[in-house]
């Protein structure tokens, strides 16, 4: 297992707490599947999430922040597409 998540966030925008909460959620959900989760302070309004060097979310491109259920699905799709997320998957299907 060498799955890695990197969260890049803007310090000037004060997005550390949001990033840390998302990191905690991902670490809890994927605790047996992640070898590392790193927070990267940045500037310029950056908020990006990368999995194994592939960007799966960009605040600028997607025009905002991901819902946590959506972010978990995106991470799952990269590291274990066959895995069920249980409640998170059901909630997303209801929202569609």
C-alpha atoms as a PDB file:
ATOM      1  CA  UNK A   1       0.000   0.000   0.000  1.00  0.00           C
ATOM      2  CA  UNK A   2       1.505   3.316  -1.028  1.00  0.00           C
ATOM      3  CA  UNK A   3      -1.531   5.531  -1.552  1.00  0.00           C
ATOM      4  CA  UNK A   4      -0.818   9.139  -0.781  1.00  0.00           C
ATOM      5  CA  UNK A   5      -3.125  12.152  -0.425  1.00  0.00           C
ATOM      6  CA  UNK A   6      -1.850  15.725  -0.576  1.00  0.00           C
ATOM      7  CA  UNK A   7      -4.016  18.710   0.330  1.00  0.00           C
ATOM      8  CA  UNK A   8      -2.721  22.111  -0.780  1.00  0.00           C
ATOM      9  CA  UNK A   9      -4.415  25.048   0.941  1.00  0.00           C
ATOM     10  CA  UNK A  10      -4.103  28.825   1.159  1.00  0.00           C
ATOM     11  CA  UNK A  11      -2.775  30.131   4.471  1.00  0.00           C
ATOM     12  CA  UNK A  12      -3.826  33.692   3.657  1.00  0.00           C
ATOM     13  CA  UNK A  13      -7.419  32.508   3.218  1.00  0.00           C
ATOM     14  CA  UNK A  14      -7.233  30.718   6.571  1.00  0.00           C
ATOM     15  CA  UNK A  15      -8.184  27.321   5.145  1.00  0.00           C
ATOM     16  CA  UNK A  16      -6.015  25.273   7.523  1.00  0.00           C
ATOM     17  CA  UNK A  17      -8.936  24.170   9.725  1.00  0.00           C
ATOM     18  CA  UNK A  18     -11.038  23.141   6.722  1.00  0.00           C
ATOM     19  CA  UNK A  19      -8.066  21.236   5.277  1.00  0.00           C
ATOM     20  CA  UNK A  20      -7.279  19.557   8.599  1.00  0.00           C
ATOM     21  CA  UNK A  21     -10.913  18.482   9.030  1.00  0.00           C
ATOM     22  CA  UNK A  22     -10.976  17.010   5.516  1.00  0.00           C
ATOM     23  CA  UNK A  23      -7.671  15.249   6.241  1.00  0.00           C
ATOM     24  CA  UNK A  24      -9.131  13.780   9.432  1.00  0.00           C
ATOM     25  CA  UNK A  25     -12.212  12.532   7.566  1.00  0.00           C
ATOM     26  CA  UNK A  26     -10.094  10.920   4.856  1.00  0.00           C
ATOM     27  CA  UNK A  27      -7.705   9.334   7.352  1.00  0.00           C
ATOM     28  CA  UNK A  28     -10.627   7.873   9.294  1.00  0.00           C
ATOM     29  CA  UNK A  29     -12.395   6.544   6.204  1.00  0.00           C
ATOM     30  CA  UNK A  30      -9.285   5.167   4.500  1.00  0.00           C
ATOM     31  CA  UNK A  31      -7.124   4.356   7.527  1.00  0.00           C
ATOM     32  CA  UNK A  32      -5.988   1.002   6.154  1.00  0.00           C
ATOM     33  CA  UNK A  33      -5.438   2.237   2.621  1.00  0.00           C
ATOM     34  CA  UNK A  34      -3.390   5.426   2.969  1.00  0.00           C
ATOM     35  CA  UNK A  35       0.327   5.443   3.630  1.00  0.00           C
ATOM     36  CA  UNK A  36       0.468   9.239   3.934  1.00  0.00           C
ATOM     37  CA  UNK A  37      -1.704  12.331   4.012  1.00  0.00           C
ATOM     38  CA  UNK A  38       0.112  15.642   3.852  1.00  0.00           C
ATOM     39  CA  UNK A  39      -1.062  19.234   4.255  1.00  0.00           C
ATOM     40  CA  UNK A  40       0.814  21.750   2.111  1.00  0.00           C
ATOM     41  CA  UNK A  41       0.483  25.446   3.024  1.00  0.00           C
ATOM     42  CA  UNK A  42       0.337  27.770   0.045  1.00  0.00           C
ATOM     43  CA  UNK A  43      -0.941  31.114  -1.166  1.00  0.00           C
ATOM     44  CA  UNK A  44      -3.056  32.614  -3.920  1.00  0.00           C
ATOM     45  CA  UNK A  45      -6.367  31.028  -2.955  1.00  0.00           C
ATOM     46  CA  UNK A  46      -5.164  27.495  -3.615  1.00  0.00           C
ATOM     47  CA  UNK A  47      -7.191  24.528  -2.471  1.00  0.00           C
ATOM     48  CA  UNK A  48      -6.336  21.315  -4.280  1.00  0.00           C
ATOM     49  CA  UNK A  49      -6.505  17.648  -3.394  1.00  0.00           C
ATOM     50  CA  UNK A  50      -4.132  15.184  -5.036  1.00  0.00           C
ATOM     51  CA  UNK A  51      -4.136  11.383  -4.828  1.00  0.00           C
ATOM     52  CA  UNK A  52      -0.977   9.587  -5.931  1.00  0.00           C
ATOM     53  CA  UNK A  53       0.150  12.663  -7.902  1.00  0.00           C
ATOM     54  CA  UNK A  54      -3.205  13.049  -9.697  1.00  0.00           C
ATOM     55  CA  UNK A  55      -5.250  16.150  -8.949  1.00  0.00           C
ATOM     56  CA  UNK A  56      -8.806  15.156  -8.068  1.00  0.00           C
ATOM     57  CA  UNK A  57     -10.086  18.557  -6.883  1.00  0.00           C
ATOM     58  CA  UNK A  58      -9.240  22.170  -7.610  1.00  0.00           C
ATOM     59  CA  UNK A  59     -11.232  24.935  -5.934  1.00  0.00           C
ATOM     60  CA  UNK A  60     -10.585  27.231  -8.882  1.00  0.00           C
ATOM     61  CA  UNK A  61     -11.669  24.707 -11.536  1.00  0.00           C
ATOM     62  CA  UNK A  62     -14.644  23.301  -9.632  1.00  0.00           C
ATOM     63  CA  UNK A  63     -15.693  26.743  -8.357  1.00  0.00           C
ATOM     64  CA  UNK A  64     -15.621  25.870  -4.660  1.00  0.00           C
ATOM     65  CA  UNK A  65     -14.918  23.239  -2.067  1.00  0.00           C
ATOM     66  CA  UNK A  66     -16.049  19.611  -2.287  1.00  0.00           C
ATOM     67  CA  UNK A  67     -18.702  18.172  -0.019  1.00  0.00           C
ATOM     68  CA  UNK A  68     -16.947  15.615   2.176  1.00  0.00           C
ATOM     69  CA  UNK A  69     -18.976  12.730   0.706  1.00  0.00           C
ATOM     70  CA  UNK A  70     -17.932  13.771  -2.810  1.00  0.00           C
ATOM     71  CA  UNK A  71     -14.283  14.035  -1.761  1.00  0.00           C
ATOM     72  CA  UNK A  72     -14.365  10.555  -0.215  1.00  0.00           C
ATOM     73  CA  UNK A  73     -15.834   9.163  -3.424  1.00  0.00           C
ATOM     74  CA  UNK A  74     -13.140  10.818  -5.528  1.00  0.00           C
ATOM     75  CA  UNK A  75     -10.397   9.431  -3.284  1.00  0.00           C
ATOM     76  CA  UNK A  76     -12.006   5.981  -3.279  1.00  0.00           C
ATOM     77  CA  UNK A  77     -12.258   6.039  -7.082  1.00  0.00           C
ATOM     78  CA  UNK A  78      -8.476   6.482  -7.251  1.00  0.00           C
ATOM     79  CA  UNK A  79      -7.337   4.020  -4.595  1.00  0.00           C
ATOM     80  CA  UNK A  80     -10.024   1.287  -4.523  1.00  0.00           C
ATOM     81  CA  UNK A  81     -12.833   1.793  -7.080  1.00  0.00           C
ATOM     82  CA  UNK A  82     -14.639  -1.404  -6.035  1.00  0.00           C
ATOM     83  CA  UNK A  83     -14.923  -0.355  -2.394  1.00  0.00           C
ATOM     84  CA  UNK A  84     -18.323   0.633  -1.029  1.00  0.00           C
ATOM     85  CA  UNK A  85     -18.450   3.738   1.115  1.00  0.00           C
ATOM     86  CA  UNK A  86     -21.752   2.658   2.654  1.00  0.00           C
ATOM     87  CA  UNK A  87     -23.588   5.688   3.958  1.00  0.00           C
ATOM     88  CA  UNK A  88     -21.570   8.155   1.857  1.00  0.00           C
ATOM     89  CA  UNK A  89     -22.487   6.309  -1.345  1.00  0.00           C
ATOM     90  CA  UNK A  90     -26.177   6.114  -0.419  1.00  0.00           C
ATOM     91  CA  UNK A  91     -26.325   9.810   0.467  1.00  0.00           C
ATOM     92  CA  UNK A  92     -24.724  10.794  -2.845  1.00  0.00           C
ATOM     93  CA  UNK A  93     -27.225   8.686  -4.793  1.00  0.00           C
ATOM     94  CA  UNK A  94     -30.114  10.356  -2.942  1.00  0.00           C
ATOM     95  CA  UNK A  95     -28.711  13.813  -3.724  1.00  0.00           C
ATOM     96  CA  UNK A  96     -28.631  13.140  -7.490  1.00  0.00           C
END
